[in-house]
Amino acid sequence: MEYAMPLVDDLLTEMEAYLWFCSLDAASGLWAVMMTRRARKISAFVFALGHFEWLRMPFGLKNAPMIYQRMIDNALWGFVQPKGGWANFSEKMRIAETADAEDRAGVTEASVSLNETPRTKFEAD
């Protein structure tokens, strides 16, 4: 699986043009991604208390950041697209806005969209 992650230098260069920006913490964001049955079997583990399978995506899986980035990009499609490409939402989502009121309205719509997105619909394969 391959999903291009933006470079930090490119993001910082893009943000120089904006007067306002907002940083949202996506703590425990990976837990919004449901694991498929196949992924549950692959990521299962055993220890003294028995056999366990993850129902939601745990932190530390190799492809977890790419899957989460793709999920956020899909959820925000049409709302947030900074000049030059998508901002990196892996650790902290950065929503950049210009001084125009129209652009600030788009940021509000994007945050409403994230709240309305059903968490159980996302699945990692």
PDB file of N, CA and C in Angstrom:
ATOM      1  N   MET A   1       0.842  -1.174   0.000  1.00  0.00           N
ATOM      2  CA  MET A   1       0.000   0.000   0.000  1.00  0.00           C
ATOM      3  C   MET A   1       0.884   1.232   0.000  1.00  0.00           C
ATOM      4  N   GLU A   2       0.521   2.189  -0.837  1.00  0.00           N
ATOM      5  CA  GLU A   2       1.302   3.415  -0.902  1.00  0.00           C
ATOM      6  C   GLU A   2       0.355   4.599  -0.973  1.00  0.00           C
ATOM      7  N   TYR A   3       0.598   5.578  -0.119  1.00  0.00           N
ATOM      8  CA  TYR A   3      -0.186   6.815  -0.122  1.00  0.00           C
ATOM      9  C   TYR A   3       0.779   7.948   0.164  1.00  0.00           C
ATOM     10  N   ALA A   4       0.891   8.861  -0.767  1.00  0.00           N
ATOM     11  CA  ALA A   4       1.892   9.928  -0.661  1.00  0.00           C
ATOM     12  C   ALA A   4       1.583  10.865   0.502  1.00  0.00           C
ATOM     13  N   MET A   5       2.549  11.016   1.391  1.00  0.00           N
ATOM     14  CA  MET A   5       2.438  11.942   2.513  1.00  0.00           C
ATOM     15  C   MET A   5       3.198  13.214   2.131  1.00  0.00           C
ATOM     16  N   PRO A   6       2.632  14.390   2.407  1.00  0.00           N
ATOM     17  CA  PRO A   6       3.317  15.637   2.056  1.00  0.00           C
ATOM     18  C   PRO A   6       4.547  15.879   2.920  1.00  0.00           C
ATOM     19  N   LEU A   7       5.522  16.576   2.368  1.00  0.00           N
ATOM     20  CA  LEU A   7       6.734  16.915   3.105  1.00  0.00           C
ATOM     21  C   LEU A   7       6.482  18.141   3.987  1.00  0.00           C
ATOM     22  N   VAL A   8       7.077  18.145   5.182  1.00  0.00           N
ATOM     23  CA  VAL A   8       6.890  19.250   6.122  1.00  0.00           C
ATOM     24  C   VAL A   8       7.378  20.565   5.519  1.00  0.00           C
ATOM     25  N   ASP A   9       8.508  20.543   4.825  1.00  0.00           N
ATOM     26  CA  ASP A   9       9.029  21.766   4.199  1.00  0.00           C
ATOM     27  C   ASP A   9       8.031  22.354   3.201  1.00  0.00           C
ATOM     28  N   ASP A  10       7.376  21.485   2.422  1.00  0.00           N
ATOM     29  CA  ASP A  10       6.379  21.959   1.463  1.00  0.00           C
ATOM     30  C   ASP A  10       5.182  22.580   2.175  1.00  0.00           C
ATOM     31  N   LEU A  11       4.761  21.968   3.281  1.00  0.00           N
ATOM     32  CA  LEU A  11       3.626  22.501   4.041  1.00  0.00           C
ATOM     33  C   LEU A  11       3.939  23.872   4.620  1.00  0.00           C
ATOM     34  N   LEU A  12       5.135  24.015   5.178  1.00  0.00           N
ATOM     35  CA  LEU A  12       5.520  25.300   5.765  1.00  0.00           C
ATOM     36  C   LEU A  12       5.626  26.388   4.703  1.00  0.00           C
ATOM     37  N   THR A  13       6.129  26.032   3.527  1.00  0.00           N
ATOM     38  CA  THR A  13       6.221  26.992   2.427  1.00  0.00           C
ATOM     39  C   THR A  13       4.828  27.449   2.002  1.00  0.00           C
ATOM     40  N   GLU A  14       3.878  26.508   1.921  1.00  0.00           N
ATOM     41  CA  GLU A  14       2.509  26.850   1.540  1.00  0.00           C
ATOM     42  C   GLU A  14       1.848  27.746   2.579  1.00  0.00           C
ATOM     43  N   MET A  15       2.143  27.520   3.860  1.00  0.00           N
ATOM     44  CA  MET A  15       1.480  28.269   4.925  1.00  0.00           C
ATOM     45  C   MET A  15       1.974  29.710   5.034  1.00  0.00           C
ATOM     46  N   GLU A  16       3.104  30.031   4.419  1.00  0.00           N
ATOM     47  CA  GLU A  16       3.614  31.405   4.455  1.00  0.00           C
ATOM     48  C   GLU A  16       2.648  32.393   3.814  1.00  0.00           C
ATOM     49  N   ALA A  17       1.851  31.938   2.869  1.00  0.00           N
ATOM     50  CA  ALA A  17       0.946  32.822   2.137  1.00  0.00           C
ATOM     51  C   ALA A  17      -0.333  33.140   2.908  1.00  0.00           C
ATOM     52  N   TYR A  18      -0.597  32.447   3.996  1.00  0.00           N
ATOM     53  CA  TYR A  18      -1.854  32.619   4.714  1.00  0.00           C
ATOM     54  C   TYR A  18      -1.698  33.536   5.919  1.00  0.00           C
ATOM     55  N   LEU A  19      -2.739  34.304   6.189  1.00  0.00           N
ATOM     56  CA  LEU A  19      -2.753  35.187   7.349  1.00  0.00           C
ATOM     57  C   LEU A  19      -3.243  34.454   8.598  1.00  0.00           C
ATOM     58  N   TRP A  20      -4.103  33.463   8.425  1.00  0.00           N
ATOM     59  CA  TRP A  20      -4.696  32.716   9.531  1.00  0.00           C
ATOM     60  C   TRP A  20      -4.504  31.225   9.292  1.00  0.00           C
ATOM     61  N   PHE A  21      -4.319  30.486  10.361  1.00  0.00           N
ATOM     62  CA  PHE A  21      -4.375  29.035  10.251  1.00  0.00           C
ATOM     63  C   PHE A  21      -4.806  28.464  11.590  1.00  0.00           C
ATOM     64  N   CYS A  22      -5.331  27.267  11.547  1.00  0.00           N
ATOM     65  CA  CYS A  22      -5.861  26.618  12.747  1.00  0.00           C
ATOM     66  C   CYS A  22      -5.268  25.222  12.828  1.00  0.00           C
ATOM     67  N   SER A  23      -4.906  24.802  14.005  1.00  0.00           N
ATOM     68  CA  SER A  23      -4.360  23.466  14.211  1.00  0.00           C
ATOM     69  C   SER A  23      -5.324  22.685  15.095  1.00  0.00           C
ATOM     70  N   LEU A  24      -5.797  21.553  14.609  1.00  0.00           N
ATOM     71  CA  LEU A  24      -6.723  20.721  15.364  1.00  0.00           C
ATOM     72  C   LEU A  24      -6.023  19.434  15.763  1.00  0.00           C
ATOM     73  N   ASP A  25      -6.138  19.062  17.008  1.00  0.00           N
ATOM     74  CA  ASP A  25      -5.500  17.845  17.491  1.00  0.00           C
ATOM     75  C   ASP A  25      -6.397  16.652  17.182  1.00  0.00           C
ATOM     76  N   ALA A  26      -5.866  15.687  16.499  1.00  0.00           N
ATOM     77  CA  ALA A  26      -6.619  14.486  16.153  1.00  0.00           C
ATOM     78  C   ALA A  26      -6.196  13.335  17.061  1.00  0.00           C
ATOM     79  N   ALA A  27      -6.179  13.586  18.368  1.00  0.00           N
ATOM     80  CA  ALA A  27      -5.784  12.556  19.333  1.00  0.00           C
ATOM     81  C   ALA A  27      -6.711  11.351  19.205  1.00  0.00           C
ATOM     82  N   SER A  28      -6.140  10.185  19.224  1.00  0.00           N
ATOM     83  CA  SER A  28      -6.881   8.921  19.117  1.00  0.00           C
ATOM     84  C   SER A  28      -7.654   8.822  17.804  1.00  0.00           C
ATOM     85  N   GLY A  29      -7.218   9.539  16.791  1.00  0.00           N
ATOM     86  CA  GLY A  29      -7.914   9.539  15.511  1.00  0.00           C
ATOM     87  C   GLY A  29      -7.924   8.186  14.826  1.00  0.00           C
ATOM     88  N   LEU A  30      -6.880   7.406  15.026  1.00  0.00           N
ATOM     89  CA  LEU A  30      -6.831   6.090  14.388  1.00  0.00           C
ATOM     90  C   LEU A  30      -7.938   5.177  14.900  1.00  0.00           C
ATOM     91  N   TRP A  31      -8.418   5.428  16.104  1.00  0.00           N
ATOM     92  CA  TRP A  31      -9.466   4.573  16.668  1.00  0.00           C
ATOM     93  C   TRP A  31     -10.807   4.767  15.974  1.00  0.00           C
ATOM     94  N   ALA A  32     -10.919   5.764  15.114  1.00  0.00           N
ATOM     95  CA  ALA A  32     -12.143   5.966  14.338  1.00  0.00           C
ATOM     96  C   ALA A  32     -12.207   5.011  13.149  1.00  0.00           C
ATOM     97  N   VAL A  33     -11.105   4.339  12.841  1.00  0.00           N
ATOM     98  CA  VAL A  33     -11.029   3.444  11.684  1.00  0.00           C
ATOM     99  C   VAL A  33     -11.301   2.016  12.132  1.00  0.00           C
ATOM    100  N   MET A  34     -12.381   1.428  11.606  1.00  0.00           N
ATOM    101  CA  MET A  34     -12.710   0.037  11.924  1.00  0.00           C
ATOM    102  C   MET A  34     -11.790  -0.908  11.141  1.00  0.00           C
ATOM    103  N   MET A  35     -11.393  -1.993  11.773  1.00  0.00           N
ATOM    104  CA  MET A  35     -10.555  -2.996  11.112  1.00  0.00           C
ATOM    105  C   MET A  35     -11.458  -3.999  10.384  1.00  0.00           C
ATOM    106  N   THR A  36     -11.054  -4.442   9.197  1.00  0.00           N
ATOM    107  CA  THR A  36     -11.782  -5.495   8.496  1.00  0.00           C
ATOM    108  C   THR A  36     -11.472  -6.826   9.172  1.00  0.00           C
ATOM    109  N   ARG A  37     -12.229  -7.846   8.838  1.00  0.00           N
ATOM    110  CA  ARG A  37     -11.982  -9.169   9.449  1.00  0.00           C
ATOM    111  C   ARG A  37     -10.580  -9.674   9.131  1.00  0.00           C
ATOM    112  N   ARG A  38     -10.156  -9.469   7.897  1.00  0.00           N
ATOM    113  CA  ARG A  38      -8.811  -9.908   7.506  1.00  0.00           C
ATOM    114  C   ARG A  38      -7.744  -9.167   8.310  1.00  0.00           C
ATOM    115  N   ALA A  39      -7.904  -7.855   8.447  1.00  0.00           N
ATOM    116  CA  ALA A  39      -6.937  -7.049   9.201  1.00  0.00           C
ATOM    117  C   ALA A  39      -6.937  -7.425  10.680  1.00  0.00           C
ATOM    118  N   ARG A  40      -8.101  -7.800  11.222  1.00  0.00           N
ATOM    119  CA  ARG A  40      -8.175  -8.233  12.626  1.00  0.00           C
ATOM    120  C   ARG A  40      -7.339  -9.484  12.849  1.00  0.00           C
ATOM    121  N   LYS A  41      -7.429 -10.420  11.917  1.00  0.00           N
ATOM    122  CA  LYS A  41      -6.671 -11.675  12.047  1.00  0.00           C
ATOM    123  C   LYS A  41      -5.169 -11.416  11.955  1.00  0.00           C
ATOM    124  N   ILE A  42      -4.777 -10.537  11.042  1.00  0.00           N
ATOM    125  CA  ILE A  42      -3.357 -10.253  10.840  1.00  0.00           C
ATOM    126  C   ILE A  42      -2.755  -9.526  12.034  1.00  0.00           C
ATOM    127  N   SER A  43      -3.509  -8.621  12.644  1.00  0.00           N
ATOM    128  CA  SER A  43      -2.979  -7.821  13.754  1.00  0.00           C
ATOM    129  C   SER A  43      -3.259  -8.426  15.127  1.00  0.00           C
ATOM    130  N   ALA A  44      -3.786  -9.639  15.173  1.00  0.00           N
ATOM    131  CA  ALA A  44      -4.091 -10.288  16.455  1.00  0.00           C
ATOM    132  C   ALA A  44      -2.813 -10.568  17.240  1.00  0.00           C
ATOM    133  N   PHE A  45      -2.960 -10.679  18.541  1.00  0.00           N
ATOM    134  CA  PHE A  45      -1.810 -10.969  19.398  1.00  0.00           C
ATOM    135  C   PHE A  45      -2.253 -11.863  20.555  1.00  0.00           C
ATOM    136  N   VAL A  46      -1.282 -12.569  21.114  1.00  0.00           N
ATOM    137  CA  VAL A  46      -1.540 -13.495  22.220  1.00  0.00           C
ATOM    138  C   VAL A  46      -0.611 -13.140  23.366  1.00  0.00           C
ATOM    139  N   PHE A  47      -1.162 -13.135  24.571  1.00  0.00           N
ATOM    140  CA  PHE A  47      -0.314 -13.037  25.759  1.00  0.00           C
ATOM    141  C   PHE A  47      -0.982 -13.815  26.878  1.00  0.00           C
ATOM    142  N   ALA A  48      -0.512 -13.715  28.081  1.00  0.00           N
ATOM    143  CA  ALA A  48      -0.919 -14.587  29.189  1.00  0.00           C
ATOM    144  C   ALA A  48      -2.431 -14.684  29.385  1.00  0.00           C
ATOM    145  N   LEU A  49      -3.177 -13.645  29.090  1.00  0.00           N
ATOM    146  CA  LEU A  49      -4.623 -13.663  29.316  1.00  0.00           C
ATOM    147  C   LEU A  49      -5.423 -14.179  28.126  1.00  0.00           C
ATOM    148  N   GLY A  50      -4.769 -14.510  27.014  1.00  0.00           N
ATOM    149  CA  GLY A  50      -5.477 -15.086  25.880  1.00  0.00           C
ATOM    150  C   GLY A  50      -5.161 -14.436  24.547  1.00  0.00           C
ATOM    151  N   HIS A  51      -6.037 -14.729  23.573  1.00  0.00           N
ATOM    152  CA  HIS A  51      -5.911 -14.254  22.192  1.00  0.00           C
ATOM    153  C   HIS A  51      -6.791 -13.012  22.025  1.00  0.00           C
ATOM    154  N   PHE A  52      -6.224 -11.935  21.445  1.00  0.00           N
ATOM    155  CA  PHE A  52      -6.966 -10.693  21.282  1.00  0.00           C
ATOM    156  C   PHE A  52      -6.829 -10.178  19.858  1.00  0.00           C
ATOM    157  N   GLU A  53      -7.903  -9.553  19.363  1.00  0.00           N
ATOM    158  CA  GLU A  53      -7.913  -8.949  18.032  1.00  0.00           C
ATOM    159  C   GLU A  53      -8.387  -7.504  18.153  1.00  0.00           C
ATOM    160  N   TRP A  54      -7.748  -6.624  17.405  1.00  0.00           N
ATOM    161  CA  TRP A  54      -8.138  -5.220  17.395  1.00  0.00           C
ATOM    162  C   TRP A  54      -9.415  -5.056  16.585  1.00  0.00           C
ATOM    163  N   LEU A  55     -10.396  -4.346  17.120  1.00  0.00           N
ATOM    164  CA  LEU A  55     -11.610  -4.015  16.376  1.00  0.00           C
ATOM    165  C   LEU A  55     -11.454  -2.677  15.655  1.00  0.00           C
ATOM    166  N   ARG A  56     -10.660  -1.795  16.243  1.00  0.00           N
ATOM    167  CA  ARG A  56     -10.349  -0.497  15.642  1.00  0.00           C
ATOM    168  C   ARG A  56      -8.842  -0.415  15.449  1.00  0.00           C
ATOM    169  N   MET A  57      -8.430   0.423  14.523  1.00  0.00           N
ATOM    170  CA  MET A  57      -7.014   0.478  14.176  1.00  0.00           C
ATOM    171  C   MET A  57      -6.161   0.949  15.358  1.00  0.00           C
ATOM    172  N   PRO A  58      -5.161   0.152  15.736  1.00  0.00           N
ATOM    173  CA  PRO A  58      -4.263   0.560  16.824  1.00  0.00           C
ATOM    174  C   PRO A  58      -3.137   1.451  16.299  1.00  0.00           C
ATOM    175  N   PHE A  59      -2.502   2.145  17.207  1.00  0.00           N
ATOM    176  CA  PHE A  59      -1.320   2.926  16.858  1.00  0.00           C
ATOM    177  C   PHE A  59      -0.157   1.955  16.674  1.00  0.00           C
ATOM    178  N   GLY A  60       0.743   2.246  15.770  1.00  0.00           N
ATOM    179  CA  GLY A  60       1.936   1.437  15.616  1.00  0.00           C
ATOM    180  C   GLY A  60       1.940   0.489  14.435  1.00  0.00           C
ATOM    181  N   LEU A  61       0.812   0.296  13.754  1.00  0.00           N
ATOM    182  CA  LEU A  61       0.829  -0.533  12.554  1.00  0.00           C
ATOM    183  C   LEU A  61       1.548   0.226  11.438  1.00  0.00           C
ATOM    184  N   LYS A  62       2.244  -0.510  10.587  1.00  0.00           N
ATOM    185  CA  LYS A  62       3.080   0.112   9.555  1.00  0.00           C
ATOM    186  C   LYS A  62       2.292   1.051   8.643  1.00  0.00           C
ATOM    187  N   ASN A  63       1.130   0.634   8.191  1.00  0.00           N
ATOM    188  CA  ASN A  63       0.362   1.428   7.232  1.00  0.00           C
ATOM    189  C   ASN A  63      -0.689   2.323   7.880  1.00  0.00           C
ATOM    190  N   ALA A  64      -0.750   2.362   9.199  1.00  0.00           N
ATOM    191  CA  ALA A  64      -1.777   3.151   9.889  1.00  0.00           C
ATOM    192  C   ALA A  64      -1.758   4.631   9.500  1.00  0.00           C
ATOM    193  N   PRO A  65      -0.600   5.298   9.455  1.00  0.00           N
ATOM    194  CA  PRO A  65      -0.620   6.721   9.070  1.00  0.00           C
ATOM    195  C   PRO A  65      -1.152   6.955   7.659  1.00  0.00           C
ATOM    196  N   MET A  66      -0.804   6.083   6.715  1.00  0.00           N
ATOM    197  CA  MET A  66      -1.272   6.248   5.341  1.00  0.00           C
ATOM    198  C   MET A  66      -2.781   6.043   5.248  1.00  0.00           C
ATOM    199  N   ILE A  67      -3.295   5.033   5.955  1.00  0.00           N
ATOM    200  CA  ILE A  67      -4.731   4.760   5.936  1.00  0.00           C
ATOM    201  C   ILE A  67      -5.493   5.922   6.560  1.00  0.00           C
ATOM    202  N   TYR A  68      -4.983   6.428   7.686  1.00  0.00           N
ATOM    203  CA  TYR A  68      -5.645   7.542   8.364  1.00  0.00           C
ATOM    204  C   TYR A  68      -5.596   8.804   7.506  1.00  0.00           C
ATOM    205  N   GLN A  69      -4.465   9.073   6.867  1.00  0.00           N
ATOM    206  CA  GLN A  69      -4.338  10.244   5.996  1.00  0.00           C
ATOM    207  C   GLN A  69      -5.341  10.166   4.854  1.00  0.00           C
ATOM    208  N   ARG A  70      -5.473   8.998   4.244  1.00  0.00           N
ATOM    209  CA  ARG A  70      -6.423   8.830   3.145  1.00  0.00           C
ATOM    210  C   ARG A  70      -7.859   9.033   3.638  1.00  0.00           C
ATOM    211  N   MET A  71      -8.178   8.525   4.840  1.00  0.00           N
ATOM    212  CA  MET A  71      -9.510   8.680   5.411  1.00  0.00           C
ATOM    213  C   MET A  71      -9.845  10.158   5.623  1.00  0.00           C
ATOM    214  N   ILE A  72      -8.895  10.919   6.188  1.00  0.00           N
ATOM    215  CA  ILE A  72      -9.110  12.343   6.430  1.00  0.00           C
ATOM    216  C   ILE A  72      -9.233  13.099   5.109  1.00  0.00           C
ATOM    217  N   ASP A  73      -8.397  12.769   4.132  1.00  0.00           N
ATOM    218  CA  ASP A  73      -8.490  13.413   2.818  1.00  0.00           C
ATOM    219  C   ASP A  73      -9.867  13.185   2.202  1.00  0.00           C
ATOM    220  N   ASN A  74     -10.382  11.959   2.302  1.00  0.00           N
ATOM    221  CA  ASN A  74     -11.704  11.652   1.757  1.00  0.00           C
ATOM    222  C   ASN A  74     -12.803  12.384   2.520  1.00  0.00           C
ATOM    223  N   ALA A  75     -12.687  12.464   3.846  1.00  0.00           N
ATOM    224  CA  ALA A  75     -13.707  13.137   4.656  1.00  0.00           C
ATOM    225  C   ALA A  75     -13.745  14.637   4.384  1.00  0.00           C
ATOM    226  N   LEU A  76     -12.595  15.233   4.079  1.00  0.00           N
ATOM    227  CA  LEU A  76     -12.516  16.678   3.857  1.00  0.00           C
ATOM    228  C   LEU A  76     -12.530  17.063   2.381  1.00  0.00           C
ATOM    229  N   TRP A  77     -12.766  16.104   1.501  1.00  0.00           N
ATOM    230  CA  TRP A  77     -12.727  16.380   0.075  1.00  0.00           C
ATOM    231  C   TRP A  77     -13.707  17.508  -0.269  1.00  0.00           C
ATOM    232  N   GLY A  78     -13.215  18.520  -0.957  1.00  0.00           N
ATOM    233  CA  GLY A  78     -14.048  19.632  -1.368  1.00  0.00           C
ATOM    234  C   GLY A  78     -14.077  20.783  -0.382  1.00  0.00           C
ATOM    235  N   PHE A  79     -13.576  20.591   0.832  1.00  0.00           N
ATOM    236  CA  PHE A  79     -13.579  21.653   1.831  1.00  0.00           C
ATOM    237  C   PHE A  79     -12.215  22.312   1.976  1.00  0.00           C
ATOM    238  N   VAL A  80     -11.195  21.504   2.153  1.00  0.00           N
ATOM    239  CA  VAL A  80      -9.862  22.026   2.443  1.00  0.00           C
ATOM    240  C   VAL A  80      -8.894  21.492   1.404  1.00  0.00           C
ATOM    241  N   GLN A  81      -8.348  22.368   0.610  1.00  0.00           N
ATOM    242  CA  GLN A  81      -7.324  21.977  -0.347  1.00  0.00           C
ATOM    243  C   GLN A  81      -6.392  23.161  -0.554  1.00  0.00           C
ATOM    244  N   PRO A  82      -5.360  23.266   0.287  1.00  0.00           N
ATOM    245  CA  PRO A  82      -4.428  24.381   0.158  1.00  0.00           C
ATOM    246  C   PRO A  82      -3.734  24.379  -1.202  1.00  0.00           C
ATOM    247  N   LYS A  83      -3.294  25.547  -1.611  1.00  0.00           N
ATOM    248  CA  LYS A  83      -2.591  25.692  -2.882  1.00  0.00           C
ATOM    249  C   LYS A  83      -1.382  24.763  -2.905  1.00  0.00           C
ATOM    250  N   GLY A  84      -1.283  23.924  -3.915  1.00  0.00           N
ATOM    251  CA  GLY A  84      -0.144  23.034  -4.046  1.00  0.00           C
ATOM    252  C   GLY A  84      -0.384  21.629  -3.534  1.00  0.00           C
ATOM    253  N   GLY A  85      -1.531  21.326  -2.958  1.00  0.00           N
ATOM    254  CA  GLY A  85      -1.787  19.958  -2.513  1.00  0.00           C
ATOM    255  C   GLY A  85      -2.432  19.897  -1.147  1.00  0.00           C
ATOM    256  N   TRP A  86      -2.650  18.671  -0.675  1.00  0.00           N
ATOM    257  CA  TRP A  86      -3.327  18.445   0.608  1.00  0.00           C
ATOM    258  C   TRP A  86      -2.366  18.638   1.764  1.00  0.00           C
ATOM    259  N   ALA A  87      -2.850  19.245   2.812  1.00  0.00           N
ATOM    260  CA  ALA A  87      -2.055  19.408   4.034  1.00  0.00           C
ATOM    261  C   ALA A  87      -2.008  18.074   4.768  1.00  0.00           C
ATOM    262  N   ASN A  88      -1.017  17.899   5.600  1.00  0.00           N
ATOM    263  CA  ASN A  88      -0.850  16.643   6.329  1.00  0.00           C
ATOM    264  C   ASN A  88      -1.713  16.669   7.584  1.00  0.00           C
ATOM    265  N   PHE A  89      -2.629  15.714   7.687  1.00  0.00           N
ATOM    266  CA  PHE A  89      -3.534  15.669   8.831  1.00  0.00           C
ATOM    267  C   PHE A  89      -3.206  14.501   9.752  1.00  0.00           C
ATOM    268  N   SER A  90      -2.029  13.909   9.667  1.00  0.00           N
ATOM    269  CA  SER A  90      -1.726  12.714  10.445  1.00  0.00           C
ATOM    270  C   SER A  90      -1.734  12.969  11.942  1.00  0.00           C
ATOM    271  N   GLU A  91      -0.911  13.887  12.404  1.00  0.00           N
ATOM    272  CA  GLU A  91      -0.863  14.175  13.837  1.00  0.00           C
ATOM    273  C   GLU A  91      -1.811  15.304  14.194  1.00  0.00           C
ATOM    274  N   LYS A  92      -1.643  16.406  13.527  1.00  0.00           N
ATOM    275  CA  LYS A  92      -2.511  17.565  13.777  1.00  0.00           C
ATOM    276  C   LYS A  92      -3.002  18.087  12.444  1.00  0.00           C
ATOM    277  N   MET A  93      -4.292  18.233  12.334  1.00  0.00           N
ATOM    278  CA  MET A  93      -4.845  18.730  11.084  1.00  0.00           C
ATOM    279  C   MET A  93      -4.631  20.230  11.026  1.00  0.00           C
ATOM    280  N   ARG A  94      -4.064  20.673   9.918  1.00  0.00           N
ATOM    281  CA  ARG A  94      -3.847  22.100   9.739  1.00  0.00           C
ATOM    282  C   ARG A  94      -4.856  22.606   8.714  1.00  0.00           C
ATOM    283  N   ILE A  95      -5.661  23.503   9.134  1.00  0.00           N
ATOM    284  CA  ILE A  95      -6.604  24.112   8.200  1.00  0.00           C
ATOM    285  C   ILE A  95      -6.156  25.545   7.983  1.00  0.00           C
ATOM    286  N   ALA A  96      -5.706  25.839   6.787  1.00  0.00           N
ATOM    287  CA  ALA A  96      -5.214  27.180   6.477  1.00  0.00           C
ATOM    288  C   ALA A  96      -6.326  27.975   5.826  1.00  0.00           C
ATOM    289  N   GLU A  97      -6.377  29.242   6.141  1.00  0.00           N
ATOM    290  CA  GLU A  97      -7.389  30.101   5.543  1.00  0.00           C
ATOM    291  C   GLU A  97      -6.784  31.459   5.208  1.00  0.00           C
ATOM    292  N   THR A  98      -7.329  32.093   4.216  1.00  0.00           N
ATOM    293  CA  THR A  98      -6.882  33.439   3.857  1.00  0.00           C
ATOM    294  C   THR A  98      -7.720  34.452   4.623  1.00  0.00           C
ATOM    295  N   ALA A  99      -7.524  35.720   4.342  1.00  0.00           N
ATOM    296  CA  ALA A  99      -8.253  36.772   5.062  1.00  0.00           C
ATOM    297  C   ALA A  99      -9.690  36.915   4.569  1.00  0.00           C
ATOM    298  N   ASP A 100     -10.048  36.277   3.466  1.00  0.00           N
ATOM    299  CA  ASP A 100     -11.392  36.415   2.910  1.00  0.00           C
ATOM    300  C   ASP A 100     -12.429  35.691   3.764  1.00  0.00           C
ATOM    301  N   ALA A 101     -13.593  36.296   3.909  1.00  0.00           N
ATOM    302  CA  ALA A 101     -14.679  35.698   4.694  1.00  0.00           C
ATOM    303  C   ALA A 101     -15.178  34.413   4.043  1.00  0.00           C
ATOM    304  N   GLU A 102     -15.140  34.340   2.709  1.00  0.00           N
ATOM    305  CA  GLU A 102     -15.589  33.134   2.017  1.00  0.00           C
ATOM    306  C   GLU A 102     -14.745  31.934   2.419  1.00  0.00           C
ATOM    307  N   ASP A 103     -13.446  32.128   2.505  1.00  0.00           N
ATOM    308  CA  ASP A 103     -12.556  31.037   2.872  1.00  0.00           C
ATOM    309  C   ASP A 103     -12.771  30.612   4.316  1.00  0.00           C
ATOM    310  N   ARG A 104     -13.039  31.567   5.214  1.00  0.00           N
ATOM    311  CA  ARG A 104     -13.296  31.216   6.614  1.00  0.00           C
ATOM    312  C   ARG A 104     -14.579  30.415   6.738  1.00  0.00           C
ATOM    313  N   ALA A 105     -15.573  30.701   5.906  1.00  0.00           N
ATOM    314  CA  ALA A 105     -16.821  29.939   5.919  1.00  0.00           C
ATOM    315  C   ALA A 105     -16.556  28.496   5.515  1.00  0.00           C
ATOM    316  N   GLY A 106     -15.630  28.271   4.585  1.00  0.00           N
ATOM    317  CA  GLY A 106     -15.283  26.915   4.173  1.00  0.00           C
ATOM    318  C   GLY A 106     -14.678  26.108   5.296  1.00  0.00           C
ATOM    319  N   VAL A 107     -13.903  26.749   6.165  1.00  0.00           N
ATOM    320  CA  VAL A 107     -13.304  26.056   7.303  1.00  0.00           C
ATOM    321  C   VAL A 107     -14.385  25.590   8.260  1.00  0.00           C
ATOM    322  N   THR A 108     -15.404  26.431   8.501  1.00  0.00           N
ATOM    323  CA  THR A 108     -16.513  26.050   9.372  1.00  0.00           C
ATOM    324  C   THR A 108     -17.254  24.860   8.789  1.00  0.00           C
ATOM    325  N   GLU A 109     -17.509  24.872   7.482  1.00  0.00           N
ATOM    326  CA  GLU A 109     -18.187  23.756   6.832  1.00  0.00           C
ATOM    327  C   GLU A 109     -17.371  22.478   6.947  1.00  0.00           C
ATOM    328  N   ALA A 110     -16.058  22.578   6.861  1.00  0.00           N
ATOM    329  CA  ALA A 110     -15.203  21.398   6.968  1.00  0.00           C
ATOM    330  C   ALA A 110     -15.289  20.794   8.356  1.00  0.00           C
ATOM    331  N   SER A 111     -15.296  21.610   9.404  1.00  0.00           N
ATOM    332  CA  SER A 111     -15.375  21.068  10.757  1.00  0.00           C
ATOM    333  C   SER A 111     -16.732  20.438  11.004  1.00  0.00           C
ATOM    334  N   VAL A 112     -17.796  20.988  10.433  1.00  0.00           N
ATOM    335  CA  VAL A 112     -19.118  20.376  10.550  1.00  0.00           C
ATOM    336  C   VAL A 112     -19.122  19.034   9.841  1.00  0.00           C
ATOM    337  N   SER A 113     -18.486  18.957   8.678  1.00  0.00           N
ATOM    338  CA  SER A 113     -18.419  17.706   7.928  1.00  0.00           C
ATOM    339  C   SER A 113     -17.708  16.623   8.721  1.00  0.00           C
ATOM    340  N   LEU A 114     -16.624  16.971   9.406  1.00  0.00           N
ATOM    341  CA  LEU A 114     -15.913  15.983  10.214  1.00  0.00           C
ATOM    342  C   LEU A 114     -16.784  15.467  11.344  1.00  0.00           C
ATOM    343  N   ASN A 115     -17.584  16.343  11.954  1.00  0.00           N
ATOM    344  CA  ASN A 115     -18.465  15.918  13.037  1.00  0.00           C
ATOM    345  C   ASN A 115     -19.588  15.026  12.540  1.00  0.00           C
ATOM    346  N   GLU A 116     -20.047  15.237  11.309  1.00  0.00           N
ATOM    347  CA  GLU A 116     -21.145  14.460  10.760  1.00  0.00           C
ATOM    348  C   GLU A 116     -20.689  13.154  10.128  1.00  0.00           C
ATOM    349  N   THR A 117     -19.403  12.987   9.895  1.00  0.00           N
ATOM    350  CA  THR A 117     -18.893  11.776   9.261  1.00  0.00           C
ATOM    351  C   THR A 117     -19.034  10.607  10.226  1.00  0.00           C
ATOM    352  N   PRO A 118     -19.757   9.549   9.845  1.00  0.00           N
ATOM    353  CA  PRO A 118     -19.929   8.414  10.757  1.00  0.00           C
ATOM    354  C   PRO A 118     -18.619   7.663  10.949  1.00  0.00           C
ATOM    355  N   ARG A 119     -18.193   7.532  12.172  1.00  0.00           N
ATOM    356  CA  ARG A 119     -16.905   6.914  12.467  1.00  0.00           C
ATOM    357  C   ARG A 119     -16.868   5.429  12.124  1.00  0.00           C
ATOM    358  N   THR A 120     -17.971   4.740  12.282  1.00  0.00           N
ATOM    359  CA  THR A 120     -17.958   3.297  12.069  1.00  0.00           C
ATOM    360  C   THR A 120     -17.934   2.914  10.601  1.00  0.00           C
ATOM    361  N   LYS A 121     -18.061   3.872   9.694  1.00  0.00           N
ATOM    362  CA  LYS A 121     -18.055   3.566   8.268  1.00  0.00           C
ATOM    363  C   LYS A 121     -16.649   3.362   7.718  1.00  0.00           C
ATOM    364  N   PHE A 122     -15.632   3.852   8.408  1.00  0.00           N
ATOM    365  CA  PHE A 122     -14.273   3.733   7.911  1.00  0.00           C
ATOM    366  C   PHE A 122     -13.739   2.348   8.219  1.00  0.00           C
ATOM    367  N   GLU A 123     -13.143   1.703   7.233  1.00  0.00           N
ATOM    368  CA  GLU A 123     -12.548   0.394   7.449  1.00  0.00           C
ATOM    369  C   GLU A 123     -11.164   0.360   6.837  1.00  0.00           C
ATOM    370  N   ALA A 124     -10.248  -0.276   7.543  1.00  0.00           N
ATOM    371  CA  ALA A 124      -8.885  -0.445   7.048  1.00  0.00           C
ATOM    372  C   ALA A 124      -8.761  -1.831   6.454  1.00  0.00           C
ATOM    373  N   ASP A 125      -8.155  -1.917   5.294  1.00  0.00           N
ATOM    374  CA  ASP A 125      -7.981  -3.226   4.672  1.00  0.00           C
ATOM    375  C   ASP A 125      -6.520  -3.549   4.555  1.00  0.00           C
TER     376      ASP A 125
END
